[in-house]
Every structure is written in structure tokens, then in C-alpha cells.
Amino acid sequence: MILANMTTSRSHVRSQIMAMMALLCLASGPAVASTALATGEPDVRQILATALAAQAGGARTTSRIRMTIKDAGGTRERTLAFRGKHDDGTSRSVIFVEQPENLHNTSFLSVHYQDASKSDEAWMYLPNLHRTSRIPASGKAVAFVGSDFTLADLSPKNPADYDVKLAAASELADKEECYRLELTARSSTVKESTGYERSELWISKSKGIVIRLRANLLGSSRVKYYSAEQVRQVDGIWTPHRMQMRTVEAGKLVSETVIEILSVNHAASDVTDSDFTQQRLEHGF
């Protein structure tokens, strides 16, 4: 799985890093759904924008995460520690690998700017080489290091890239009353970057987060299914504590990946700017 072989190509390694940064953002949602989600005439673009913005998380967040992948190759597991800070249009994330032991303190730093004129930044620290390297961005259609999640699944999306249709104004998904939206990419470039022909989102009316997703893979008969479970508020933010992505072909399960939030704090006062430096990477967890 992820990080299992540190001799992989530079482009594959940087894909691992950018995907891992986005992974932690997927675990949280907004404290309150927008008015468009609660009452009045549905505004499909506002519904979509609110759900996509739910990836922002808390102003200062710490978390521990376990990822389990099951496929024909067996079962693989990693434990990660995360720290994040969001303010003034900038999102910073740092991740340390706790387990397995041979990857302990392998670490990653990412800085994302809302200002399109600024370029995002990312660094990787490999303790066995005692070296920190800056990592450029890469394509988002890359699978998340052997899991059922791709970079596109775990990365922020621009609502303007999609034609949006309200497929159902009220539909239950895991006992949640949801809007069901149908999304179609507006260009071949977006299709290729996401890896999807089309997708459906079930968005909770009360929580403003994606509860379920169904997506048809580009140029393939495979279909992917995402579900967010054990959703509860942490520090006023709706947070799924279990997320599952399954890949299915001809009605048969090909593989599945489960993300479990072991602990999370969206109001971590000990998170400071000093956490997001190259020196902090090299210090270790």
C-alpha cells in the first residue's frame, strides 16, 4: 500500500503525498449547513458548493487515522498522525507515519492557498535518508497508493467544473434526508483529471456533507461507491468517523478501503505555525 516502497518513482511518491494531505480534509464538515440546504427552493449550485467546502475542517485540527485496504493482494494497514491549520485563505497540513515501524516518522507537509495566483507547496521528509525534498503537484486521477480512493476523491473540487442536476429533492441515504445531485464534467480535461464519466452525490440536508457517492469510472465498466458513516459533531463540526470506498465490477466487489478516525480535535490550541515548517518535519512525531 501507501509508502510501502520508498524507491518508487518521484512522480508516484508526490502523488502519494498530495493525496494523503487531502485525505485528512475529507474527515470533516461544516458546523452548520447553509440556508439553501435547509429551507426554500433548492439551489443545486449552492448545495454542491456547500458540500465541497465541507472539506475545510476546523481552524486547528489534530487527528489520528487508520486506513485498511482489502483486495486480491490481501489486507494492508497504516496509522497516521495529522495536524492542520486553516486561516486567512491558507490551509496547512502535516502528517507523520506512526506505523509500521519501518516507516515511522516519514512525514509530509502541504500548504494550500485559496488565492489562485499563489502556487501550492508540499515537502516530504524521509528519515532513513535524513533528507527533506520539495514535491510539485501532480495529476489527480492517480489512485491513492493502491487504495480505492484517488487523488480526485480526496482533493478539493471546483463546482464550476460541473453541470449539476437535481435528481431528487428528497431521498434517504443511511437514514439521512438528502438531496441527490447528478454531476457531469463540463470538459474532457475534467473527466480525465477526475477519472469519472459521471457521478451522483447524496448530500445531507441537515449536515451539509456528502453521505454517499456513486461514480462511473472513465473508460471502464467499474463503479465506485463511497459512504460516510458514524457521523457526529466534534467541536461543532460534523465529522464522519468511518469512510468506505468500494470498487465494483459486474456486480462483484473488486476491492474496498476503510478510513477510520481514531481521534480528532477541531479546536486544538497547541497547533501553531511552527508545526508547518521543514524543521518540524525533521524533528519527528
C-alpha atoms as a PDB file:
ATOM      1  CA  MET A   1       0.000   0.000   0.000  1.00  0.00           C
ATOM      2  CA  ILE A   2       0.947   3.629   0.561  1.00  0.00           C
ATOM      3  CA  LEU A   3       4.541   4.331   1.387  1.00  0.00           C
ATOM      4  CA  ALA A   4       5.366   0.648   1.311  1.00  0.00           C
ATOM      5  CA  ASN A   5       8.234   1.128  -1.114  1.00  0.00           C
ATOM      6  CA  MET A   6      10.233   4.355  -0.850  1.00  0.00           C
ATOM      7  CA  THR A   7      12.126   3.506  -4.046  1.00  0.00           C
ATOM      8  CA  THR A   8       9.084   4.278  -6.235  1.00  0.00           C
ATOM      9  CA  SER A   9       9.373   6.939  -8.914  1.00  0.00           C
ATOM     10  CA  ARG A  10       9.377  10.627  -7.960  1.00  0.00           C
ATOM     11  CA  SER A  11       6.040  11.253  -9.697  1.00  0.00           C
ATOM     12  CA  HIS A  12       4.356   8.370  -7.856  1.00  0.00           C
ATOM     13  CA  VAL A  13       5.735   9.492  -4.498  1.00  0.00           C
ATOM     14  CA  ARG A  14       4.486  13.055  -4.926  1.00  0.00           C
ATOM     15  CA  SER A  15       1.051  11.658  -5.825  1.00  0.00           C
ATOM     16  CA  GLN A  16       1.082   9.774  -2.531  1.00  0.00           C
ATOM     17  CA  ILE A  17       1.877  12.954  -0.662  1.00  0.00           C
ATOM     18  CA  MET A  18      -0.762  15.188  -2.221  1.00  0.00           C
ATOM     19  CA  ALA A  19      -3.413  12.516  -1.790  1.00  0.00           C
ATOM     20  CA  MET A  20      -2.523  11.988   1.843  1.00  0.00           C
ATOM     21  CA  MET A  21      -2.830  15.717   2.528  1.00  0.00           C
ATOM     22  CA  ALA A  22      -6.338  15.772   1.134  1.00  0.00           C
ATOM     23  CA  LEU A  23      -7.305  12.592   2.958  1.00  0.00           C
ATOM     24  CA  LEU A  24      -7.410  14.283   6.337  1.00  0.00           C
ATOM     25  CA  CYS A  25      -9.525  17.136   4.994  1.00  0.00           C
ATOM     26  CA  LEU A  26     -12.165  14.644   3.896  1.00  0.00           C
ATOM     27  CA  ALA A  27     -12.858  13.743   7.519  1.00  0.00           C
ATOM     28  CA  SER A  28     -14.748  16.897   8.472  1.00  0.00           C
ATOM     29  CA  GLY A  29     -17.724  19.026   7.518  1.00  0.00           C
ATOM     30  CA  PRO A  30     -19.145  22.472   8.273  1.00  0.00           C
ATOM     31  CA  ALA A  31     -20.674  23.253  11.646  1.00  0.00           C
ATOM     32  CA  VAL A  32     -23.968  24.408  10.071  1.00  0.00           C
ATOM     33  CA  ALA A  33     -25.494  23.658   6.672  1.00  0.00           C
ATOM     34  CA  SER A  34     -26.231  26.723   4.552  1.00  0.00           C
ATOM     35  CA  THR A  35     -29.768  28.111   4.299  1.00  0.00           C
ATOM     36  CA  ALA A  36     -30.011  26.646   0.810  1.00  0.00           C
ATOM     37  CA  LEU A  37     -29.690  23.166   2.301  1.00  0.00           C
ATOM     38  CA  ALA A  38     -32.303  23.694   4.987  1.00  0.00           C
ATOM     39  CA  THR A  39     -35.278  25.599   3.527  1.00  0.00           C
ATOM     40  CA  GLY A  40     -36.681  27.161   0.385  1.00  0.00           C
ATOM     41  CA  GLU A  41     -36.189  26.378  -3.284  1.00  0.00           C
ATOM     42  CA  PRO A  42     -33.160  24.128  -3.801  1.00  0.00           C
ATOM     43  CA  ASP A  43     -30.204  25.895  -5.390  1.00  0.00           C
ATOM     44  CA  VAL A  44     -28.193  22.992  -6.785  1.00  0.00           C
ATOM     45  CA  ARG A  45     -25.005  25.006  -7.221  1.00  0.00           C
ATOM     46  CA  GLN A  46     -25.168  26.306  -3.658  1.00  0.00           C
ATOM     47  CA  ILE A  47     -25.867  22.787  -2.368  1.00  0.00           C
ATOM     48  CA  LEU A  48     -22.827  21.455  -4.233  1.00  0.00           C
ATOM     49  CA  ALA A  49     -20.593  24.365  -3.181  1.00  0.00           C
ATOM     50  CA  THR A  50     -21.539  23.879   0.490  1.00  0.00           C
ATOM     51  CA  ALA A  51     -20.788  20.158   0.350  1.00  0.00           C
ATOM     52  CA  LEU A  52     -17.428  20.676  -1.378  1.00  0.00           C
ATOM     53  CA  ALA A  53     -16.480  23.410   1.104  1.00  0.00           C
ATOM     54  CA  ALA A  54     -17.112  20.919   3.907  1.00  0.00           C
ATOM     55  CA  GLN A  55     -13.591  19.562   3.345  1.00  0.00           C
ATOM     56  CA  ALA A  56     -12.088  22.599   5.069  1.00  0.00           C
ATOM     57  CA  GLY A  57     -12.330  21.178   8.606  1.00  0.00           C
ATOM     58  CA  GLY A  58     -11.559  23.106  11.782  1.00  0.00           C
ATOM     59  CA  ALA A  59      -9.328  26.148  12.245  1.00  0.00           C
ATOM     60  CA  ARG A  60      -6.874  23.995  14.208  1.00  0.00           C
ATOM     61  CA  THR A  61      -7.179  20.230  13.967  1.00  0.00           C
ATOM     62  CA  THR A  62      -5.292  17.212  15.256  1.00  0.00           C
ATOM     63  CA  SER A  63      -6.226  13.652  14.357  1.00  0.00           C
ATOM     64  CA  ARG A  64      -5.097  10.039  14.214  1.00  0.00           C
ATOM     65  CA  ILE A  65      -6.265   7.876  11.317  1.00  0.00           C
ATOM     66  CA  ARG A  66      -6.208   4.209  10.386  1.00  0.00           C
ATOM     67  CA  MET A  67      -6.560   3.105   6.763  1.00  0.00           C
ATOM     68  CA  THR A  68      -7.306  -0.515   5.880  1.00  0.00           C
ATOM     69  CA  ILE A  69      -7.220  -1.810   2.293  1.00  0.00           C
ATOM     70  CA  LYS A  70      -8.622  -5.192   1.256  1.00  0.00           C
ATOM     71  CA  ASP A  71      -8.141  -6.600  -2.234  1.00  0.00           C
ATOM     72  CA  ALA A  72      -6.820  -9.668  -4.048  1.00  0.00           C
ATOM     73  CA  GLY A  73      -3.370  -8.940  -2.598  1.00  0.00           C
ATOM     74  CA  GLY A  74      -4.563  -9.204   0.998  1.00  0.00           C
ATOM     75  CA  THR A  75      -5.033  -6.636   3.770  1.00  0.00           C
ATOM     76  CA  ARG A  76      -2.754  -3.664   4.458  1.00  0.00           C
ATOM     77  CA  GLU A  77      -2.890  -1.091   7.241  1.00  0.00           C
ATOM     78  CA  ARG A  78      -1.242   2.235   8.164  1.00  0.00           C
ATOM     79  CA  THR A  79      -1.631   4.556  11.165  1.00  0.00           C
ATOM     80  CA  LEU A  80      -1.122   8.296  10.636  1.00  0.00           C
ATOM     81  CA  ALA A  81      -0.938  11.403  12.841  1.00  0.00           C
ATOM     82  CA  PHE A  82      -2.233  14.693  11.422  1.00  0.00           C
ATOM     83  CA  ARG A  83      -2.096  18.392  12.303  1.00  0.00           C
ATOM     84  CA  GLY A  84      -3.908  21.075  10.308  1.00  0.00           C
ATOM     85  CA  LYS A  85      -4.465  24.844  10.414  1.00  0.00           C
ATOM     86  CA  HIS A  86      -6.857  26.931   8.300  1.00  0.00           C
ATOM     87  CA  ASP A  87      -6.810  30.748   8.367  1.00  0.00           C
ATOM     88  CA  ASP A  88      -6.525  33.823   6.130  1.00  0.00           C
ATOM     89  CA  GLY A  89      -7.219  31.808   2.978  1.00  0.00           C
ATOM     90  CA  THR A  90      -4.407  29.336   3.664  1.00  0.00           C
ATOM     91  CA  SER A  91      -4.658  25.663   4.676  1.00  0.00           C
ATOM     92  CA  ARG A  92      -1.617  23.929   6.163  1.00  0.00           C
ATOM     93  CA  SER A  93      -1.329  20.204   6.850  1.00  0.00           C
ATOM     94  CA  VAL A  94       1.388  17.978   8.268  1.00  0.00           C
ATOM     95  CA  ILE A  95       1.289  14.188   8.536  1.00  0.00           C
ATOM     96  CA  PHE A  96       3.587  11.763  10.325  1.00  0.00           C
ATOM     97  CA  VAL A  97       3.546   7.988   9.788  1.00  0.00           C
ATOM     98  CA  GLU A  98       3.267   6.194  13.128  1.00  0.00           C
ATOM     99  CA  GLN A  99       3.076   2.608  11.906  1.00  0.00           C
ATOM    100  CA  PRO A 100       4.517   0.388  10.502  1.00  0.00           C
ATOM    101  CA  GLU A 101       7.775   0.813  12.365  1.00  0.00           C
ATOM    102  CA  ASN A 102       9.977   0.814   9.256  1.00  0.00           C
ATOM    103  CA  LEU A 103       8.188   3.993   8.087  1.00  0.00           C
ATOM    104  CA  HIS A 104       7.973   5.680  11.488  1.00  0.00           C
ATOM    105  CA  ASN A 105       8.374   9.491  11.229  1.00  0.00           C
ATOM    106  CA  THR A 106       8.236   9.558   7.464  1.00  0.00           C
ATOM    107  CA  SER A 107       6.449  12.909   7.190  1.00  0.00           C
ATOM    108  CA  PHE A 108       4.723  15.273   4.783  1.00  0.00           C
ATOM    109  CA  LEU A 109       3.905  18.977   4.743  1.00  0.00           C
ATOM    110  CA  SER A 110       1.388  20.726   2.460  1.00  0.00           C
ATOM    111  CA  VAL A 111       0.331  24.365   2.099  1.00  0.00           C
ATOM    112  CA  HIS A 112      -2.772  25.197   0.022  1.00  0.00           C
ATOM    113  CA  TYR A 113      -3.710  28.760  -0.973  1.00  0.00           C
ATOM    114  CA  GLN A 114      -7.227  29.870  -1.923  1.00  0.00           C
ATOM    115  CA  ASP A 115      -5.606  32.690  -3.894  1.00  0.00           C
ATOM    116  CA  ALA A 116      -5.208  31.234  -7.392  1.00  0.00           C
ATOM    117  CA  SER A 117      -2.204  33.481  -8.032  1.00  0.00           C
ATOM    118  CA  LYS A 118      -0.213  31.545  -5.429  1.00  0.00           C
ATOM    119  CA  SER A 119       1.172  28.059  -6.039  1.00  0.00           C
ATOM    120  CA  ASP A 120       0.518  25.304  -3.508  1.00  0.00           C
ATOM    121  CA  GLU A 121       3.551  23.822  -1.771  1.00  0.00           C
ATOM    122  CA  ALA A 122       4.462  20.359  -0.481  1.00  0.00           C
ATOM    123  CA  TRP A 123       7.504  18.719   1.162  1.00  0.00           C
ATOM    124  CA  MET A 124       8.474  15.185   2.124  1.00  0.00           C
ATOM    125  CA  TYR A 125      10.921  14.012   4.786  1.00  0.00           C
ATOM    126  CA  LEU A 126      12.479  10.521   4.600  1.00  0.00           C
ATOM    127  CA  PRO A 127      14.139   9.683   7.943  1.00  0.00           C
ATOM    128  CA  ASN A 128      16.231   6.851   6.506  1.00  0.00           C
ATOM    129  CA  LEU A 129      17.851   9.363   4.118  1.00  0.00           C
ATOM    130  CA  HIS A 130      17.737  12.328   6.538  1.00  0.00           C
ATOM    131  CA  ARG A 131      16.511  14.428   3.625  1.00  0.00           C
ATOM    132  CA  THR A 132      13.642  16.880   3.015  1.00  0.00           C
ATOM    133  CA  SER A 133      12.521  17.335  -0.601  1.00  0.00           C
ATOM    134  CA  ARG A 134      10.041  19.766  -2.115  1.00  0.00           C
ATOM    135  CA  ILE A 135       7.325  17.987  -4.090  1.00  0.00           C
ATOM    136  CA  PRO A 136       5.484  19.554  -7.052  1.00  0.00           C
ATOM    137  CA  ALA A 137       1.779  18.969  -7.732  1.00  0.00           C
ATOM    138  CA  SER A 138       0.654  16.103  -9.979  1.00  0.00           C
ATOM    139  CA  GLY A 139      -2.426  14.714 -11.700  1.00  0.00           C
ATOM    140  CA  LYS A 140      -5.472  13.893  -9.609  1.00  0.00           C
ATOM    141  CA  ALA A 141      -6.720  10.788 -11.425  1.00  0.00           C
ATOM    142  CA  VAL A 142      -3.941   8.720  -9.827  1.00  0.00           C
ATOM    143  CA  ALA A 143      -5.133   6.011  -7.427  1.00  0.00           C
ATOM    144  CA  PHE A 144      -4.327   6.748  -3.797  1.00  0.00           C
ATOM    145  CA  VAL A 145      -1.370   4.386  -3.432  1.00  0.00           C
ATOM    146  CA  GLY A 146      -3.175   1.134  -4.023  1.00  0.00           C
ATOM    147  CA  SER A 147      -6.410   2.113  -2.268  1.00  0.00           C
ATOM    148  CA  ASP A 148      -9.888   2.658  -3.700  1.00  0.00           C
ATOM    149  CA  PHE A 149      -9.539   6.413  -3.178  1.00  0.00           C
ATOM    150  CA  THR A 150      -7.971   8.553  -5.901  1.00  0.00           C
ATOM    151  CA  LEU A 151      -6.366  11.957  -5.627  1.00  0.00           C
ATOM    152  CA  ALA A 152      -9.531  13.407  -7.170  1.00  0.00           C
ATOM    153  CA  ASP A 153     -11.691  11.773  -4.494  1.00  0.00           C
ATOM    154  CA  LEU A 154      -9.594  13.371  -1.786  1.00  0.00           C
ATOM    155  CA  SER A 155      -8.911  16.763  -3.347  1.00  0.00           C
ATOM    156  CA  PRO A 156     -10.973  19.981  -3.336  1.00  0.00           C
ATOM    157  CA  LYS A 157     -13.153  20.422  -6.415  1.00  0.00           C
ATOM    158  CA  ASN A 158     -14.411  23.486  -8.266  1.00  0.00           C
ATOM    159  CA  PRO A 159     -18.234  23.496  -8.638  1.00  0.00           C
ATOM    160  CA  ALA A 160     -17.830  25.470 -11.863  1.00  0.00           C
ATOM    161  CA  ASP A 161     -16.262  22.394 -13.499  1.00  0.00           C
ATOM    162  CA  TYR A 162     -19.592  20.526 -13.493  1.00  0.00           C
ATOM    163  CA  ASP A 163     -23.082  20.624 -14.924  1.00  0.00           C
ATOM    164  CA  VAL A 164     -25.323  19.912 -11.934  1.00  0.00           C
ATOM    165  CA  LYS A 165     -28.811  18.412 -11.956  1.00  0.00           C
ATOM    166  CA  LEU A 166     -31.156  17.884  -9.014  1.00  0.00           C
ATOM    167  CA  ALA A 167     -32.035  14.196  -9.414  1.00  0.00           C
ATOM    168  CA  ALA A 168     -34.109  14.069  -6.221  1.00  0.00           C
ATOM    169  CA  ALA A 169     -35.199  16.860  -3.869  1.00  0.00           C
ATOM    170  CA  SER A 170     -35.596  14.389  -1.001  1.00  0.00           C
ATOM    171  CA  GLU A 171     -34.138  10.902  -0.748  1.00  0.00           C
ATOM    172  CA  LEU A 172     -32.994   8.812   2.196  1.00  0.00           C
ATOM    173  CA  ALA A 173     -29.393   7.621   2.411  1.00  0.00           C
ATOM    174  CA  ASP A 174     -28.424   5.758   5.574  1.00  0.00           C
ATOM    175  CA  LYS A 175     -31.466   7.273   7.318  1.00  0.00           C
ATOM    176  CA  GLU A 176     -30.357  10.805   6.346  1.00  0.00           C
ATOM    177  CA  GLU A 177     -32.697  13.002   4.303  1.00  0.00           C
ATOM    178  CA  CYS A 178     -30.586  14.080   1.350  1.00  0.00           C
ATOM    179  CA  TYR A 179     -30.517  15.939  -1.909  1.00  0.00           C
ATOM    180  CA  ARG A 180     -29.337  13.677  -4.738  1.00  0.00           C
ATOM    181  CA  LEU A 181     -27.319  15.530  -7.353  1.00  0.00           C
ATOM    182  CA  GLU A 182     -26.069  14.297 -10.720  1.00  0.00           C
ATOM    183  CA  LEU A 183     -22.719  15.730 -11.801  1.00  0.00           C
ATOM    184  CA  THR A 184     -21.310  15.723 -15.341  1.00  0.00           C
ATOM    185  CA  ALA A 185     -17.897  17.201 -16.079  1.00  0.00           C
ATOM    186  CA  ARG A 186     -18.046  20.183 -18.435  1.00  0.00           C
ATOM    187  CA  SER A 187     -14.861  19.233 -20.291  1.00  0.00           C
ATOM    188  CA  SER A 188     -12.790  16.208 -21.250  1.00  0.00           C
ATOM    189  CA  THR A 189      -9.957  17.701 -19.191  1.00  0.00           C
ATOM    190  CA  VAL A 190     -12.032  17.499 -16.011  1.00  0.00           C
ATOM    191  CA  LYS A 191     -13.141  13.952 -16.862  1.00  0.00           C
ATOM    192  CA  GLU A 192      -9.538  12.856 -17.334  1.00  0.00           C
ATOM    193  CA  SER A 193      -8.352  14.572 -14.153  1.00  0.00           C
ATOM    194  CA  THR A 194     -11.086  13.009 -12.007  1.00  0.00           C
ATOM    195  CA  GLY A 195     -11.242   9.655 -13.776  1.00  0.00           C
ATOM    196  CA  TYR A 196     -15.075   9.691 -13.807  1.00  0.00           C
ATOM    197  CA  GLU A 197     -17.643   9.736 -16.613  1.00  0.00           C
ATOM    198  CA  ARG A 198     -20.378  10.931 -14.256  1.00  0.00           C
ATOM    199  CA  SER A 199     -21.222  10.791 -10.574  1.00  0.00           C
ATOM    200  CA  GLU A 200     -24.097  11.053  -8.122  1.00  0.00           C
ATOM    201  CA  LEU A 201     -23.876  12.680  -4.693  1.00  0.00           C
ATOM    202  CA  TRP A 202     -26.223  12.248  -1.742  1.00  0.00           C
ATOM    203  CA  ILE A 203     -25.826  15.398   0.384  1.00  0.00           C
ATOM    204  CA  SER A 204     -27.297  15.552   3.883  1.00  0.00           C
ATOM    205  CA  LYS A 205     -29.813  18.395   4.256  1.00  0.00           C
ATOM    206  CA  SER A 206     -29.108  18.795   7.963  1.00  0.00           C
ATOM    207  CA  LYS A 207     -25.315  18.408   7.939  1.00  0.00           C
ATOM    208  CA  GLY A 208     -24.283  19.715   4.517  1.00  0.00           C
ATOM    209  CA  ILE A 209     -21.827  16.877   3.852  1.00  0.00           C
ATOM    210  CA  VAL A 210     -21.649  14.079   1.290  1.00  0.00           C
ATOM    211  CA  ILE A 211     -23.144  10.942   2.819  1.00  0.00           C
ATOM    212  CA  ARG A 212     -22.930   8.740  -0.260  1.00  0.00           C
ATOM    213  CA  LEU A 213     -21.364   8.799  -3.736  1.00  0.00           C
ATOM    214  CA  ARG A 214     -21.699   6.649  -6.833  1.00  0.00           C
ATOM    215  CA  ALA A 215     -19.273   7.187  -9.721  1.00  0.00           C
ATOM    216  CA  ASN A 216     -18.751   5.539 -13.109  1.00  0.00           C
ATOM    217  CA  LEU A 217     -15.071   5.187 -13.981  1.00  0.00           C
ATOM    218  CA  LEU A 218     -13.900   6.724 -17.235  1.00  0.00           C
ATOM    219  CA  GLY A 219     -13.469   4.113 -19.970  1.00  0.00           C
ATOM    220  CA  SER A 220     -14.343   1.255 -17.632  1.00  0.00           C
ATOM    221  CA  SER A 221     -17.300  -0.849 -16.536  1.00  0.00           C
ATOM    222  CA  ARG A 222     -16.272  -0.391 -12.914  1.00  0.00           C
ATOM    223  CA  VAL A 223     -18.331   1.641 -10.472  1.00  0.00           C
ATOM    224  CA  LYS A 224     -17.171   3.158  -7.190  1.00  0.00           C
ATOM    225  CA  TYR A 225     -19.310   3.619  -4.094  1.00  0.00           C
ATOM    226  CA  TYR A 226     -18.427   5.925  -1.190  1.00  0.00           C
ATOM    227  CA  SER A 227     -20.210   6.140   2.148  1.00  0.00           C
ATOM    228  CA  ALA A 228     -19.655   8.286   5.249  1.00  0.00           C
ATOM    229  CA  GLU A 229     -20.667   6.631   8.488  1.00  0.00           C
ATOM    230  CA  GLN A 230     -20.668   7.267  12.232  1.00  0.00           C
ATOM    231  CA  VAL A 231     -21.180  10.982  11.592  1.00  0.00           C
ATOM    232  CA  ARG A 232     -21.223  13.058  14.749  1.00  0.00           C
ATOM    233  CA  GLN A 233     -20.278  16.543  15.822  1.00  0.00           C
ATOM    234  CA  VAL A 234     -16.799  17.199  17.152  1.00  0.00           C
ATOM    235  CA  ASP A 235     -16.213  20.762  18.362  1.00  0.00           C
ATOM    236  CA  GLY A 236     -19.298  21.850  16.424  1.00  0.00           C
ATOM    237  CA  ILE A 237     -18.198  20.225  13.144  1.00  0.00           C
ATOM    238  CA  TRP A 238     -19.972  17.257  11.568  1.00  0.00           C
ATOM    239  CA  THR A 239     -17.297  14.580  11.292  1.00  0.00           C
ATOM    240  CA  PRO A 240     -17.597  11.097   9.710  1.00  0.00           C
ATOM    241  CA  HIS A 241     -15.586   8.679  11.845  1.00  0.00           C
ATOM    242  CA  ARG A 242     -15.702   5.890   9.280  1.00  0.00           C
ATOM    243  CA  MET A 243     -15.453   6.247   5.493  1.00  0.00           C
ATOM    244  CA  GLN A 244     -15.593   3.453   2.973  1.00  0.00           C
ATOM    245  CA  MET A 245     -14.843   3.339  -0.749  1.00  0.00           C
ATOM    246  CA  ARG A 246     -15.708   0.187  -2.702  1.00  0.00           C
ATOM    247  CA  THR A 247     -14.875  -0.697  -6.312  1.00  0.00           C
ATOM    248  CA  VAL A 248     -17.399  -2.983  -8.035  1.00  0.00           C
ATOM    249  CA  GLU A 249     -17.375  -4.615 -11.472  1.00  0.00           C
ATOM    250  CA  ALA A 250     -20.242  -6.658 -12.945  1.00  0.00           C
ATOM    251  CA  GLY A 251     -21.868  -6.760  -9.528  1.00  0.00           C
ATOM    252  CA  LYS A 252     -18.780  -8.207  -7.840  1.00  0.00           C
ATOM    253  CA  LEU A 253     -16.626  -6.488  -5.231  1.00  0.00           C
ATOM    254  CA  VAL A 254     -13.104  -5.870  -6.534  1.00  0.00           C
ATOM    255  CA  SER A 255     -11.656  -4.084  -3.515  1.00  0.00           C
ATOM    256  CA  GLU A 256     -12.523  -1.824  -0.611  1.00  0.00           C
ATOM    257  CA  THR A 257     -10.793   0.749   1.556  1.00  0.00           C
ATOM    258  CA  VAL A 258     -11.924   1.836   5.013  1.00  0.00           C
ATOM    259  CA  ILE A 259     -10.722   5.008   6.732  1.00  0.00           C
ATOM    260  CA  GLU A 260     -11.287   5.187  10.491  1.00  0.00           C
ATOM    261  CA  ILE A 261     -10.820   8.327  12.578  1.00  0.00           C
ATOM    262  CA  LEU A 262      -9.253   7.094  15.814  1.00  0.00           C
ATOM    263  CA  SER A 263      -9.268  10.527  17.453  1.00  0.00           C
ATOM    264  CA  VAL A 264      -9.929  14.090  16.327  1.00  0.00           C
ATOM    265  CA  ASN A 265      -9.848  17.571  17.861  1.00  0.00           C
ATOM    266  CA  HIS A 266     -11.002  20.539  15.741  1.00  0.00           C
ATOM    267  CA  ALA A 267     -10.103  23.076  18.444  1.00  0.00           C
ATOM    268  CA  ALA A 268      -6.502  22.099  19.174  1.00  0.00           C
ATOM    269  CA  SER A 269      -4.913  25.194  20.745  1.00  0.00           C
ATOM    270  CA  ASP A 270      -1.442  23.609  20.594  1.00  0.00           C
ATOM    271  CA  VAL A 271      -1.432  23.743  16.750  1.00  0.00           C
ATOM    272  CA  THR A 272       0.766  26.675  15.702  1.00  0.00           C
ATOM    273  CA  ASP A 273       2.549  27.929  12.586  1.00  0.00           C
ATOM    274  CA  SER A 274       5.745  26.288  13.819  1.00  0.00           C
ATOM    275  CA  ASP A 275       4.158  22.877  13.147  1.00  0.00           C
ATOM    276  CA  PHE A 276       4.274  23.560   9.410  1.00  0.00           C
ATOM    277  CA  THR A 277       7.969  24.010   8.715  1.00  0.00           C
ATOM    278  CA  GLN A 278      10.674  21.790   7.273  1.00  0.00           C
ATOM    279  CA  GLN A 279      12.364  21.816  10.683  1.00  0.00           C
ATOM    280  CA  ARG A 280       9.214  20.350  12.249  1.00  0.00           C
ATOM    281  CA  LEU A 281       9.190  17.571   9.661  1.00  0.00           C
ATOM    282  CA  GLU A 282      12.727  16.582  10.553  1.00  0.00           C
ATOM    283  CA  HIS A 283      12.007  16.732  14.291  1.00  0.00           C
ATOM    284  CA  GLY A 284       9.567  13.796  14.006  1.00  0.00           C
ATOM    285  CA  PHE A 285       6.322  12.860  15.717  1.00  0.00           C
END
